[in-house]
Amino acid sequence: VVPNGVDCAYFRPTPEPPSRRILLFTGNMGFPPNVEAAQILCREILPDIRRAHPDVEFHLVGLHPGPAVQALAGAGVAIHANVPDMRPHLESALAYVAPLMSGAGTRLKLLEAMATGLPIVTTPVGIEGIPASHGREVMIANDVNAMVRCVLQLLTDTNTRRQLGAAARKLVEEHFDWPVCLEPLYHLYRPLLLAGVDAPQTQATDGQPSGRGQG
């Protein structure tokens, strides 16, 4: 089994601190769990954050933002649709916030944020399939109130942001970088290639080999 992975050479931390206080959420904005998360961000988390820090911005970045997501744009909320490259948005963010309450599977967007060295606040659902621990590689919140507290801490605690970002990057380098993920396949295919193994042929009724190009 090859797990989902991330290209750690493509997604890298930037040495320059962000110039603005941007909180980021990315993904396919037409996917219902992402729509739900975006609505929670803007309607339930953002008001509390901006009461304490009026300069904070939430940026929602991804494919196919429908009317429900577009309607969230406004004071403190920016929508970036169908961007050609996610890296500038990851690099300009102060933290990544993913209040995912539904869905399943390893989130590639979280792996990309971790590879970029972003501190992350997410839920137990959001971090499924990634062996990260609360307070070490990410911050995990079970509800909206806990998520607000985590975000407020990150906004004021530079050392925690740095420590979480560095630990998250280390985790993906060790477990989710594509060369690491694909290593088992390399060992599987290498002896077959060295032995010159070819696909077996079967004999067709007209006497010509068959079995190739049939799929």
N, C-alpha and C. Protein backbone atom coordinates (compact mmCIF):
# COMPACT_ATOMS: atom_id res chain seq x y z
N VAL A 1 0.85 -1.18 0.00
CA VAL A 1 0.00 0.00 0.00
C VAL A 1 0.89 1.24 0.00
N VAL A 2 0.68 2.11 -0.97
CA VAL A 2 1.43 3.37 -1.04
C VAL A 2 0.51 4.48 -0.52
N PRO A 3 0.89 5.15 0.55
CA PRO A 3 0.02 6.21 1.09
C PRO A 3 0.06 7.45 0.22
N ASN A 4 -0.89 8.35 0.45
CA ASN A 4 -0.80 9.67 -0.17
C ASN A 4 0.50 10.33 0.25
N GLY A 5 1.07 11.11 -0.66
CA GLY A 5 2.33 11.76 -0.35
C GLY A 5 2.34 13.19 -0.83
N VAL A 6 3.49 13.83 -0.66
CA VAL A 6 3.67 15.23 -1.05
C VAL A 6 5.09 15.40 -1.56
N ASP A 7 5.27 16.30 -2.48
CA ASP A 7 6.59 16.59 -3.04
C ASP A 7 7.27 17.63 -2.14
N CYS A 8 8.18 17.17 -1.29
CA CYS A 8 8.82 18.07 -0.34
C CYS A 8 9.85 18.98 -1.00
N ALA A 9 10.23 18.69 -2.23
CA ALA A 9 11.11 19.61 -2.95
C ALA A 9 10.30 20.73 -3.59
N TYR A 10 9.04 20.47 -3.89
CA TYR A 10 8.17 21.46 -4.52
C TYR A 10 7.54 22.37 -3.47
N PHE A 11 7.05 21.79 -2.38
CA PHE A 11 6.48 22.56 -1.28
C PHE A 11 7.55 22.67 -0.19
N ARG A 12 8.03 23.87 0.04
CA ARG A 12 9.12 24.09 0.97
C ARG A 12 8.82 25.30 1.86
N PRO A 13 9.36 25.30 3.07
CA PRO A 13 9.22 26.49 3.92
C PRO A 13 9.95 27.68 3.31
N THR A 14 9.43 28.85 3.57
CA THR A 14 10.09 30.08 3.14
C THR A 14 10.76 30.72 4.33
N PRO A 15 11.98 31.24 4.16
CA PRO A 15 12.66 31.86 5.31
C PRO A 15 12.09 33.22 5.70
N GLU A 16 11.32 33.83 4.79
CA GLU A 16 10.78 35.15 5.06
C GLU A 16 9.46 35.06 5.82
N PRO A 17 9.32 35.75 6.95
CA PRO A 17 8.03 35.73 7.66
C PRO A 17 6.97 36.45 6.84
N PRO A 18 5.71 36.03 6.95
CA PRO A 18 4.65 36.70 6.18
C PRO A 18 4.48 38.15 6.61
N SER A 19 4.15 38.99 5.66
CA SER A 19 3.99 40.42 5.95
C SER A 19 2.59 40.75 6.45
N ARG A 20 1.64 39.81 6.28
CA ARG A 20 0.26 40.04 6.73
C ARG A 20 -0.17 38.86 7.58
N ARG A 21 -1.21 39.09 8.37
CA ARG A 21 -1.73 38.03 9.27
C ARG A 21 -2.85 37.31 8.55
N ILE A 22 -2.45 36.36 7.70
CA ILE A 22 -3.39 35.60 6.87
C ILE A 22 -3.54 34.20 7.43
N LEU A 23 -4.78 33.78 7.63
CA LEU A 23 -5.11 32.40 7.96
C LEU A 23 -5.66 31.76 6.70
N LEU A 24 -5.20 30.56 6.40
CA LEU A 24 -5.44 29.94 5.09
C LEU A 24 -6.21 28.64 5.22
N PHE A 25 -7.12 28.42 4.26
CA PHE A 25 -7.73 27.11 4.06
C PHE A 25 -7.79 26.87 2.56
N THR A 26 -7.38 25.67 2.12
CA THR A 26 -7.30 25.36 0.70
C THR A 26 -8.08 24.08 0.39
N GLY A 27 -8.29 23.86 -0.91
CA GLY A 27 -8.93 22.62 -1.32
C GLY A 27 -9.94 22.85 -2.43
N ASN A 28 -10.59 21.77 -2.83
CA ASN A 28 -11.66 21.84 -3.81
C ASN A 28 -12.89 22.43 -3.13
N MET A 29 -13.19 23.67 -3.45
CA MET A 29 -14.26 24.38 -2.76
C MET A 29 -15.65 24.01 -3.28
N GLY A 30 -15.71 23.02 -4.18
CA GLY A 30 -16.99 22.47 -4.57
C GLY A 30 -17.30 21.18 -3.83
N PHE A 31 -16.35 20.70 -3.01
CA PHE A 31 -16.50 19.45 -2.26
C PHE A 31 -17.23 19.75 -0.95
N PRO A 32 -18.36 19.09 -0.68
CA PRO A 32 -19.19 19.46 0.47
C PRO A 32 -18.46 19.57 1.81
N PRO A 33 -17.55 18.64 2.19
CA PRO A 33 -16.85 18.83 3.46
C PRO A 33 -16.02 20.10 3.49
N ASN A 34 -15.45 20.51 2.35
CA ASN A 34 -14.68 21.75 2.31
C ASN A 34 -15.60 22.97 2.38
N VAL A 35 -16.76 22.89 1.75
CA VAL A 35 -17.73 23.98 1.84
C VAL A 35 -18.17 24.17 3.29
N GLU A 36 -18.46 23.05 3.96
CA GLU A 36 -18.85 23.11 5.37
C GLU A 36 -17.74 23.74 6.20
N ALA A 37 -16.48 23.33 5.97
CA ALA A 37 -15.36 23.88 6.73
C ALA A 37 -15.20 25.37 6.47
N ALA A 38 -15.34 25.80 5.21
CA ALA A 38 -15.23 27.22 4.89
C ALA A 38 -16.31 28.03 5.61
N GLN A 39 -17.51 27.50 5.67
CA GLN A 39 -18.60 28.22 6.35
C GLN A 39 -18.34 28.31 7.85
N ILE A 40 -17.82 27.24 8.44
CA ILE A 40 -17.48 27.28 9.87
C ILE A 40 -16.39 28.32 10.12
N LEU A 41 -15.39 28.34 9.25
CA LEU A 41 -14.31 29.31 9.39
C LEU A 41 -14.84 30.75 9.41
N CYS A 42 -15.65 31.06 8.42
CA CYS A 42 -16.06 32.45 8.23
C CYS A 42 -17.19 32.89 9.15
N ARG A 43 -18.07 31.96 9.51
CA ARG A 43 -19.25 32.35 10.28
C ARG A 43 -19.12 32.11 11.78
N GLU A 44 -18.29 31.12 12.16
CA GLU A 44 -18.21 30.77 13.57
C GLU A 44 -16.85 31.08 14.20
N ILE A 45 -15.78 31.02 13.41
CA ILE A 45 -14.43 31.25 13.95
C ILE A 45 -13.98 32.68 13.72
N LEU A 46 -14.15 33.18 12.51
CA LEU A 46 -13.67 34.52 12.15
C LEU A 46 -14.16 35.63 13.07
N PRO A 47 -15.45 35.69 13.43
CA PRO A 47 -15.89 36.81 14.28
C PRO A 47 -15.11 36.91 15.59
N ASP A 48 -14.87 35.78 16.25
CA ASP A 48 -14.12 35.80 17.51
C ASP A 48 -12.68 36.21 17.28
N ILE A 49 -12.09 35.74 16.19
CA ILE A 49 -10.69 36.07 15.91
C ILE A 49 -10.56 37.56 15.62
N ARG A 50 -11.43 38.11 14.81
CA ARG A 50 -11.31 39.52 14.41
C ARG A 50 -11.71 40.49 15.53
N ARG A 51 -12.47 40.01 16.50
CA ARG A 51 -12.73 40.87 17.66
C ARG A 51 -11.44 41.13 18.43
N ALA A 52 -10.59 40.10 18.49
CA ALA A 52 -9.32 40.25 19.20
C ALA A 52 -8.22 40.81 18.31
N HIS A 53 -8.29 40.48 17.01
CA HIS A 53 -7.24 40.89 16.06
C HIS A 53 -7.91 41.35 14.76
N PRO A 54 -8.33 42.61 14.69
CA PRO A 54 -9.09 43.09 13.52
C PRO A 54 -8.34 43.02 12.20
N ASP A 55 -7.02 42.89 12.24
CA ASP A 55 -6.25 42.87 11.00
C ASP A 55 -6.12 41.48 10.39
N VAL A 56 -6.61 40.46 11.07
CA VAL A 56 -6.49 39.09 10.56
C VAL A 56 -7.39 38.90 9.34
N GLU A 57 -6.85 38.21 8.34
CA GLU A 57 -7.60 37.88 7.12
C GLU A 57 -7.72 36.36 6.98
N PHE A 58 -8.85 35.91 6.47
CA PHE A 58 -9.04 34.51 6.10
C PHE A 58 -9.03 34.42 4.59
N HIS A 59 -8.18 33.56 4.04
CA HIS A 59 -8.14 33.35 2.60
C HIS A 59 -8.57 31.91 2.30
N LEU A 60 -9.55 31.77 1.44
CA LEU A 60 -10.04 30.47 0.97
C LEU A 60 -9.54 30.31 -0.46
N VAL A 61 -8.75 29.27 -0.70
CA VAL A 61 -8.07 29.13 -1.99
C VAL A 61 -8.33 27.73 -2.54
N GLY A 62 -8.84 27.65 -3.78
CA GLY A 62 -9.03 26.33 -4.36
C GLY A 62 -9.95 26.33 -5.56
N LEU A 63 -10.22 25.13 -6.02
CA LEU A 63 -11.01 24.93 -7.22
C LEU A 63 -12.50 25.11 -6.96
N HIS A 64 -13.19 25.58 -7.98
CA HIS A 64 -14.65 25.53 -8.09
C HIS A 64 -15.42 26.06 -6.87
N PRO A 65 -15.11 27.26 -6.39
CA PRO A 65 -15.94 27.79 -5.30
C PRO A 65 -17.32 28.16 -5.83
N GLY A 66 -18.33 27.46 -5.35
CA GLY A 66 -19.70 27.72 -5.79
C GLY A 66 -20.31 28.88 -5.04
N PRO A 67 -21.61 29.11 -5.26
CA PRO A 67 -22.29 30.25 -4.62
C PRO A 67 -22.17 30.25 -3.10
N ALA A 68 -22.21 29.08 -2.47
CA ALA A 68 -22.15 29.03 -1.01
C ALA A 68 -20.82 29.54 -0.49
N VAL A 69 -19.74 29.28 -1.22
CA VAL A 69 -18.42 29.76 -0.82
C VAL A 69 -18.24 31.22 -1.24
N GLN A 70 -18.64 31.55 -2.45
CA GLN A 70 -18.50 32.93 -2.92
C GLN A 70 -19.23 33.91 -2.01
N ALA A 71 -20.34 33.45 -1.43
CA ALA A 71 -21.12 34.32 -0.55
C ALA A 71 -20.38 34.68 0.73
N LEU A 72 -19.30 33.95 1.04
CA LEU A 72 -18.54 34.21 2.27
C LEU A 72 -17.58 35.38 2.11
N ALA A 73 -17.30 35.79 0.88
CA ALA A 73 -16.36 36.89 0.65
C ALA A 73 -16.89 38.17 1.28
N GLY A 74 -15.99 38.92 1.88
CA GLY A 74 -16.41 40.16 2.51
C GLY A 74 -15.31 40.66 3.42
N ALA A 75 -15.68 41.37 4.47
CA ALA A 75 -14.70 41.93 5.39
C ALA A 75 -13.84 40.84 6.01
N GLY A 76 -12.56 40.88 5.69
CA GLY A 76 -11.64 39.91 6.27
C GLY A 76 -11.60 38.58 5.57
N VAL A 77 -12.39 38.38 4.53
CA VAL A 77 -12.42 37.09 3.82
C VAL A 77 -12.17 37.31 2.34
N ALA A 78 -11.17 36.61 1.80
CA ALA A 78 -10.85 36.68 0.37
C ALA A 78 -10.96 35.29 -0.23
N ILE A 79 -11.55 35.21 -1.43
CA ILE A 79 -11.70 33.95 -2.16
C ILE A 79 -10.75 33.99 -3.35
N HIS A 80 -9.92 32.97 -3.50
CA HIS A 80 -9.02 32.85 -4.64
C HIS A 80 -9.37 31.55 -5.37
N ALA A 81 -9.95 31.69 -6.56
CA ALA A 81 -10.47 30.53 -7.28
C ALA A 81 -9.49 30.05 -8.35
N ASN A 82 -9.35 28.71 -8.42
CA ASN A 82 -8.65 28.05 -9.53
C ASN A 82 -7.26 28.65 -9.77
N VAL A 83 -6.48 28.79 -8.72
CA VAL A 83 -5.16 29.40 -8.85
C VAL A 83 -4.21 28.42 -9.54
N PRO A 84 -3.25 28.92 -10.35
CA PRO A 84 -2.33 28.03 -11.06
C PRO A 84 -1.27 27.41 -10.17
N ASP A 85 -1.00 28.03 -9.02
CA ASP A 85 0.06 27.55 -8.14
C ASP A 85 -0.34 27.86 -6.71
N MET A 86 -0.40 26.83 -5.87
CA MET A 86 -0.82 27.01 -4.48
C MET A 86 0.29 27.58 -3.61
N ARG A 87 1.55 27.46 -4.05
CA ARG A 87 2.67 27.80 -3.18
C ARG A 87 2.68 29.26 -2.72
N PRO A 88 2.41 30.25 -3.58
CA PRO A 88 2.43 31.63 -3.07
C PRO A 88 1.44 31.87 -1.94
N HIS A 89 0.31 31.19 -1.99
CA HIS A 89 -0.69 31.36 -0.94
C HIS A 89 -0.25 30.68 0.36
N LEU A 90 0.34 29.51 0.25
CA LEU A 90 0.87 28.83 1.43
C LEU A 90 2.00 29.64 2.06
N GLU A 91 2.85 30.19 1.21
CA GLU A 91 4.02 30.93 1.71
C GLU A 91 3.65 32.26 2.35
N SER A 92 2.51 32.82 1.97
CA SER A 92 2.11 34.13 2.52
C SER A 92 1.26 34.01 3.77
N ALA A 93 0.92 32.78 4.17
CA ALA A 93 0.03 32.59 5.31
C ALA A 93 0.80 32.51 6.62
N LEU A 94 0.14 32.95 7.68
CA LEU A 94 0.70 32.84 9.03
C LEU A 94 0.40 31.47 9.62
N ALA A 95 -0.76 30.93 9.30
CA ALA A 95 -1.17 29.62 9.82
C ALA A 95 -2.23 29.04 8.89
N TYR A 96 -2.42 27.73 9.00
CA TYR A 96 -3.39 27.00 8.19
C TYR A 96 -4.47 26.48 9.13
N VAL A 97 -5.73 26.76 8.79
CA VAL A 97 -6.85 26.37 9.66
C VAL A 97 -7.82 25.51 8.85
N ALA A 98 -8.05 24.29 9.33
CA ALA A 98 -8.89 23.34 8.59
C ALA A 98 -9.92 22.71 9.53
N PRO A 99 -11.07 23.38 9.73
CA PRO A 99 -12.10 22.85 10.63
C PRO A 99 -12.98 21.79 9.97
N LEU A 100 -12.37 20.73 9.51
CA LEU A 100 -13.10 19.68 8.79
C LEU A 100 -13.88 18.82 9.78
N MET A 101 -15.17 18.69 9.54
CA MET A 101 -16.06 17.94 10.41
C MET A 101 -16.59 16.67 9.75
N SER A 102 -16.34 16.52 8.45
CA SER A 102 -16.83 15.34 7.73
C SER A 102 -15.85 15.00 6.62
N GLY A 103 -16.12 13.86 5.95
CA GLY A 103 -15.21 13.39 4.92
C GLY A 103 -14.29 12.32 5.49
N ALA A 104 -13.44 11.77 4.61
CA ALA A 104 -12.55 10.69 5.03
C ALA A 104 -11.30 10.70 4.17
N GLY A 105 -10.27 10.02 4.63
CA GLY A 105 -9.05 9.89 3.86
C GLY A 105 -8.01 10.92 4.26
N THR A 106 -6.76 10.68 3.85
CA THR A 106 -5.68 11.60 4.12
C THR A 106 -5.83 12.86 3.29
N ARG A 107 -5.73 14.00 3.92
CA ARG A 107 -5.93 15.28 3.21
C ARG A 107 -4.61 15.75 2.60
N LEU A 108 -4.55 15.74 1.27
CA LEU A 108 -3.35 16.23 0.60
C LEU A 108 -3.08 17.68 0.96
N LYS A 109 -4.13 18.46 1.15
CA LYS A 109 -3.94 19.88 1.47
C LYS A 109 -3.21 20.06 2.79
N LEU A 110 -3.46 19.19 3.76
CA LEU A 110 -2.74 19.28 5.02
C LEU A 110 -1.28 18.88 4.84
N LEU A 111 -1.02 17.87 4.01
CA LEU A 111 0.37 17.49 3.74
C LEU A 111 1.12 18.63 3.06
N GLU A 112 0.46 19.33 2.15
CA GLU A 112 1.10 20.46 1.48
C GLU A 112 1.41 21.58 2.48
N ALA A 113 0.46 21.86 3.37
CA ALA A 113 0.70 22.89 4.38
C ALA A 113 1.81 22.49 5.34
N MET A 114 1.85 21.23 5.72
CA MET A 114 2.91 20.75 6.60
C MET A 114 4.27 20.81 5.91
N ALA A 115 4.32 20.45 4.63
CA ALA A 115 5.58 20.51 3.90
C ALA A 115 6.07 21.94 3.77
N THR A 116 5.15 22.91 3.73
CA THR A 116 5.51 24.32 3.66
C THR A 116 5.94 24.86 5.02
N GLY A 117 5.77 24.07 6.07
CA GLY A 117 6.17 24.49 7.40
C GLY A 117 5.18 25.39 8.08
N LEU A 118 3.90 25.29 7.69
CA LEU A 118 2.88 26.12 8.32
C LEU A 118 2.39 25.48 9.62
N PRO A 119 2.18 26.27 10.66
CA PRO A 119 1.47 25.74 11.83
C PRO A 119 0.02 25.50 11.46
N ILE A 120 -0.54 24.40 11.94
CA ILE A 120 -1.86 23.97 11.52
C ILE A 120 -2.78 23.80 12.71
N VAL A 121 -4.01 24.27 12.55
CA VAL A 121 -5.09 23.96 13.49
C VAL A 121 -6.13 23.18 12.71
N THR A 122 -6.47 22.00 13.20
CA THR A 122 -7.46 21.18 12.50
C THR A 122 -8.23 20.35 13.52
N THR A 123 -9.01 19.42 13.02
CA THR A 123 -9.87 18.57 13.85
C THR A 123 -9.37 17.12 13.80
N PRO A 124 -9.89 16.24 14.66
CA PRO A 124 -9.53 14.83 14.54
C PRO A 124 -9.88 14.25 13.17
N VAL A 125 -10.97 14.71 12.56
CA VAL A 125 -11.33 14.25 11.21
C VAL A 125 -10.30 14.76 10.20
N GLY A 126 -9.88 16.00 10.35
CA GLY A 126 -8.94 16.58 9.40
C GLY A 126 -7.59 15.91 9.38
N ILE A 127 -7.15 15.41 10.52
CA ILE A 127 -5.80 14.85 10.63
C ILE A 127 -5.80 13.32 10.47
N GLU A 128 -6.94 12.73 10.12
CA GLU A 128 -7.01 11.28 9.93
C GLU A 128 -5.94 10.80 8.94
N GLY A 129 -5.27 9.72 9.29
CA GLY A 129 -4.29 9.11 8.41
C GLY A 129 -2.91 9.73 8.50
N ILE A 130 -2.75 10.78 9.30
CA ILE A 130 -1.46 11.44 9.46
C ILE A 130 -1.05 11.29 10.93
N PRO A 131 0.10 10.66 11.22
CA PRO A 131 0.48 10.39 12.61
C PRO A 131 1.04 11.62 13.32
N ALA A 132 0.23 12.67 13.40
CA ALA A 132 0.63 13.91 14.06
C ALA A 132 -0.05 14.00 15.42
N SER A 133 0.64 14.61 16.37
CA SER A 133 0.12 14.74 17.73
C SER A 133 -0.17 16.19 18.05
N HIS A 134 -1.20 16.39 18.86
CA HIS A 134 -1.55 17.74 19.30
C HIS A 134 -0.40 18.35 20.10
N GLY A 135 -0.04 19.57 19.73
CA GLY A 135 1.00 20.28 20.45
C GLY A 135 2.41 19.94 20.00
N ARG A 136 2.54 18.93 19.14
CA ARG A 136 3.88 18.59 18.65
C ARG A 136 4.03 18.97 17.18
N GLU A 137 3.19 18.40 16.30
CA GLU A 137 3.24 18.78 14.88
C GLU A 137 2.09 19.67 14.45
N VAL A 138 0.96 19.54 15.13
CA VAL A 138 -0.24 20.32 14.80
C VAL A 138 -0.98 20.65 16.09
N MET A 139 -2.02 21.46 15.95
CA MET A 139 -2.95 21.67 17.06
C MET A 139 -4.30 21.08 16.63
N ILE A 140 -4.84 20.21 17.48
CA ILE A 140 -6.07 19.49 17.16
C ILE A 140 -7.17 19.94 18.11
N ALA A 141 -8.28 20.40 17.53
CA ALA A 141 -9.40 20.92 18.32
C ALA A 141 -10.65 20.10 18.03
N ASN A 142 -11.40 19.79 19.06
CA ASN A 142 -12.60 18.97 18.89
C ASN A 142 -13.85 19.77 18.55
N ASP A 143 -13.82 21.08 18.79
CA ASP A 143 -15.00 21.90 18.51
C ASP A 143 -14.55 23.30 18.15
N VAL A 144 -15.53 24.13 17.81
CA VAL A 144 -15.23 25.49 17.34
C VAL A 144 -14.56 26.32 18.42
N ASN A 145 -15.04 26.22 19.66
CA ASN A 145 -14.45 27.02 20.74
C ASN A 145 -12.98 26.67 20.95
N ALA A 146 -12.67 25.39 20.92
CA ALA A 146 -11.28 24.97 21.08
C ALA A 146 -10.44 25.44 19.90
N MET A 147 -11.02 25.43 18.72
CA MET A 147 -10.29 25.89 17.54
C MET A 147 -9.99 27.38 17.64
N VAL A 148 -10.94 28.16 18.10
CA VAL A 148 -10.71 29.60 18.29
C VAL A 148 -9.55 29.81 19.26
N ARG A 149 -9.53 29.07 20.36
CA ARG A 149 -8.45 29.22 21.35
C ARG A 149 -7.10 28.88 20.73
N CYS A 150 -7.04 27.83 19.91
CA CYS A 150 -5.79 27.44 19.27
C CYS A 150 -5.31 28.52 18.30
N VAL A 151 -6.24 29.05 17.51
CA VAL A 151 -5.86 30.08 16.53
C VAL A 151 -5.37 31.33 17.26
N LEU A 152 -6.05 31.73 18.31
CA LEU A 152 -5.63 32.91 19.07
C LEU A 152 -4.23 32.70 19.66
N GLN A 153 -3.93 31.50 20.11
CA GLN A 153 -2.59 31.22 20.63
C GLN A 153 -1.54 31.37 19.54
N LEU A 154 -1.82 30.82 18.35
CA LEU A 154 -0.85 30.92 17.26
C LEU A 154 -0.62 32.35 16.83
N LEU A 155 -1.65 33.18 16.88
CA LEU A 155 -1.51 34.56 16.45
C LEU A 155 -0.56 35.36 17.34
N THR A 156 -0.42 34.93 18.59
CA THR A 156 0.38 35.70 19.53
C THR A 156 1.66 35.00 19.96
N ASP A 157 1.84 33.74 19.58
CA ASP A 157 2.98 32.95 20.07
C ASP A 157 3.87 32.54 18.90
N THR A 158 4.86 33.34 18.62
CA THR A 158 5.76 33.08 17.49
C THR A 158 6.53 31.78 17.68
N ASN A 159 6.99 31.49 18.90
CA ASN A 159 7.77 30.28 19.14
C ASN A 159 6.96 29.03 18.86
N THR A 160 5.70 29.01 19.27
CA THR A 160 4.84 27.85 19.01
C THR A 160 4.63 27.67 17.51
N ARG A 161 4.43 28.77 16.80
CA ARG A 161 4.27 28.66 15.35
C ARG A 161 5.51 28.03 14.72
N ARG A 162 6.67 28.50 15.11
CA ARG A 162 7.91 27.97 14.53
C ARG A 162 8.11 26.50 14.88
N GLN A 163 7.86 26.15 16.13
CA GLN A 163 8.07 24.76 16.56
C GLN A 163 7.12 23.81 15.85
N LEU A 164 5.85 24.19 15.76
CA LEU A 164 4.88 23.33 15.08
C LEU A 164 5.22 23.20 13.60
N GLY A 165 5.57 24.32 12.95
CA GLY A 165 5.90 24.28 11.53
C GLY A 165 7.11 23.40 11.25
N ALA A 166 8.16 23.51 12.07
CA ALA A 166 9.36 22.70 11.88
C ALA A 166 9.07 21.22 12.11
N ALA A 167 8.29 20.91 13.14
CA ALA A 167 7.96 19.51 13.42
C ALA A 167 7.08 18.91 12.34
N ALA A 168 6.15 19.71 11.81
CA ALA A 168 5.28 19.23 10.73
C ALA A 168 6.10 18.93 9.48
N ARG A 169 7.02 19.83 9.15
CA ARG A 169 7.90 19.60 7.99
C ARG A 169 8.71 18.33 8.17
N LYS A 170 9.26 18.12 9.34
CA LYS A 170 10.06 16.92 9.62
C LYS A 170 9.22 15.65 9.46
N LEU A 171 7.98 15.70 9.94
CA LEU A 171 7.11 14.53 9.84
C LEU A 171 6.86 14.15 8.37
N VAL A 172 6.54 15.13 7.54
CA VAL A 172 6.25 14.78 6.14
C VAL A 172 7.52 14.35 5.41
N GLU A 173 8.66 14.92 5.76
CA GLU A 173 9.92 14.47 5.15
C GLU A 173 10.18 13.00 5.45
N GLU A 174 9.87 12.58 6.67
CA GLU A 174 10.17 11.23 7.10
C GLU A 174 9.13 10.20 6.65
N HIS A 175 7.89 10.63 6.47
CA HIS A 175 6.82 9.66 6.22
C HIS A 175 6.04 9.87 4.92
N PHE A 176 6.01 11.10 4.38
CA PHE A 176 5.11 11.37 3.27
C PHE A 176 5.77 11.97 2.04
N ASP A 177 7.07 12.18 2.05
CA ASP A 177 7.75 12.62 0.84
C ASP A 177 7.63 11.49 -0.19
N TRP A 178 7.38 11.84 -1.46
CA TRP A 178 7.11 10.80 -2.45
C TRP A 178 8.21 9.74 -2.55
N PRO A 179 9.51 10.07 -2.52
CA PRO A 179 10.52 9.00 -2.56
C PRO A 179 10.37 8.00 -1.41
N VAL A 180 9.97 8.49 -0.24
CA VAL A 180 9.75 7.59 0.90
C VAL A 180 8.53 6.72 0.66
N CYS A 181 7.43 7.32 0.21
CA CYS A 181 6.20 6.57 -0.02
C CYS A 181 6.36 5.51 -1.10
N LEU A 182 7.16 5.83 -2.14
CA LEU A 182 7.28 4.93 -3.29
C LEU A 182 8.41 3.91 -3.14
N GLU A 183 9.15 3.98 -2.05
CA GLU A 183 10.27 3.05 -1.85
C GLU A 183 9.85 1.58 -1.94
N PRO A 184 8.72 1.18 -1.35
CA PRO A 184 8.32 -0.24 -1.48
C PRO A 184 8.10 -0.66 -2.92
N LEU A 185 7.55 0.23 -3.75
CA LEU A 185 7.34 -0.12 -5.16
C LEU A 185 8.66 -0.28 -5.90
N TYR A 186 9.64 0.55 -5.54
CA TYR A 186 10.96 0.43 -6.16
C TYR A 186 11.52 -0.97 -5.92
N HIS A 187 11.43 -1.44 -4.69
CA HIS A 187 11.96 -2.77 -4.38
C HIS A 187 11.14 -3.87 -5.04
N LEU A 188 9.88 -3.60 -5.31
CA LEU A 188 9.04 -4.59 -5.98
C LEU A 188 9.38 -4.69 -7.47
N TYR A 189 9.53 -3.54 -8.13
CA TYR A 189 9.73 -3.52 -9.57
C TYR A 189 11.18 -3.78 -9.99
N ARG A 190 12.14 -3.39 -9.15
CA ARG A 190 13.54 -3.47 -9.56
C ARG A 190 13.96 -4.88 -9.96
N PRO A 191 13.69 -5.92 -9.16
CA PRO A 191 14.12 -7.27 -9.59
C PRO A 191 13.40 -7.74 -10.84
N LEU A 192 12.16 -7.29 -11.03
CA LEU A 192 11.44 -7.69 -12.24
C LEU A 192 12.09 -7.06 -13.48
N LEU A 193 12.46 -5.79 -13.37
CA LEU A 193 13.10 -5.12 -14.50
C LEU A 193 14.48 -5.71 -14.78
N LEU A 194 15.23 -6.01 -13.73
CA LEU A 194 16.56 -6.57 -13.93
C LEU A 194 16.50 -7.96 -14.55
N ALA A 195 15.44 -8.69 -14.25
CA ALA A 195 15.29 -10.04 -14.80
C ALA A 195 14.70 -10.02 -16.20
N GLY A 196 14.29 -8.84 -16.68
CA GLY A 196 13.72 -8.74 -18.02
C GLY A 196 12.37 -9.41 -18.13
N VAL A 197 11.62 -9.41 -17.06
CA VAL A 197 10.31 -10.06 -17.09
C VAL A 197 9.38 -9.27 -18.00
N ASP A 198 8.69 -9.97 -18.87
CA ASP A 198 7.75 -9.34 -19.77
C ASP A 198 6.37 -9.93 -19.51
N ALA A 199 5.36 -9.25 -20.01
CA ALA A 199 3.99 -9.75 -19.84
C ALA A 199 3.81 -11.04 -20.61
N PRO A 200 3.12 -12.02 -20.06
CA PRO A 200 2.91 -13.27 -20.77
C PRO A 200 2.01 -13.07 -21.99
N GLN A 201 2.23 -13.88 -23.00
CA GLN A 201 1.40 -13.84 -24.19
C GLN A 201 0.54 -15.10 -24.26
N THR A 202 -0.63 -14.94 -24.81
CA THR A 202 -1.48 -16.10 -25.07
C THR A 202 -1.67 -16.23 -26.56
N GLN A 203 -2.02 -17.39 -27.03
CA GLN A 203 -2.17 -17.64 -28.44
C GLN A 203 -3.62 -17.45 -28.87
N ALA A 204 -3.83 -16.57 -29.83
CA ALA A 204 -5.18 -16.33 -30.34
C ALA A 204 -5.57 -17.44 -31.30
N THR A 205 -6.83 -17.51 -31.64
CA THR A 205 -7.32 -18.59 -32.50
C THR A 205 -6.78 -18.49 -33.92
N ASP A 206 -6.34 -17.27 -34.37
CA ASP A 206 -5.81 -17.14 -35.72
C ASP A 206 -4.31 -17.35 -35.78
N GLY A 207 -3.75 -17.80 -34.64
CA GLY A 207 -2.32 -18.09 -34.62
C GLY A 207 -1.47 -16.90 -34.30
N GLN A 208 -2.05 -15.71 -34.07
CA GLN A 208 -1.29 -14.51 -33.73
C GLN A 208 -1.29 -14.31 -32.22
N PRO A 209 -0.15 -13.81 -31.66
CA PRO A 209 -0.13 -13.56 -30.22
C PRO A 209 -1.19 -12.55 -29.84
N SER A 210 -1.77 -12.74 -28.70
CA SER A 210 -2.73 -11.78 -28.15
C SER A 210 -2.39 -11.52 -26.71
N GLY A 211 -3.13 -10.67 -26.08
CA GLY A 211 -2.92 -10.40 -24.67
C GLY A 211 -2.29 -9.06 -24.42
N ARG A 212 -1.87 -8.31 -25.49
CA ARG A 212 -1.31 -6.98 -25.31
C ARG A 212 -2.32 -5.95 -25.83
N GLY A 213 -2.35 -4.84 -25.17
CA GLY A 213 -3.19 -3.74 -25.63
C GLY A 213 -4.67 -4.06 -25.55
N GLN A 214 -5.02 -4.95 -24.65
CA GLN A 214 -6.44 -5.33 -24.56
C GLN A 214 -7.19 -4.57 -23.46
N GLY A 215 -6.40 -3.75 -22.70
CA GLY A 215 -7.04 -3.14 -21.53
C GLY A 215 -7.59 -1.79 -21.81
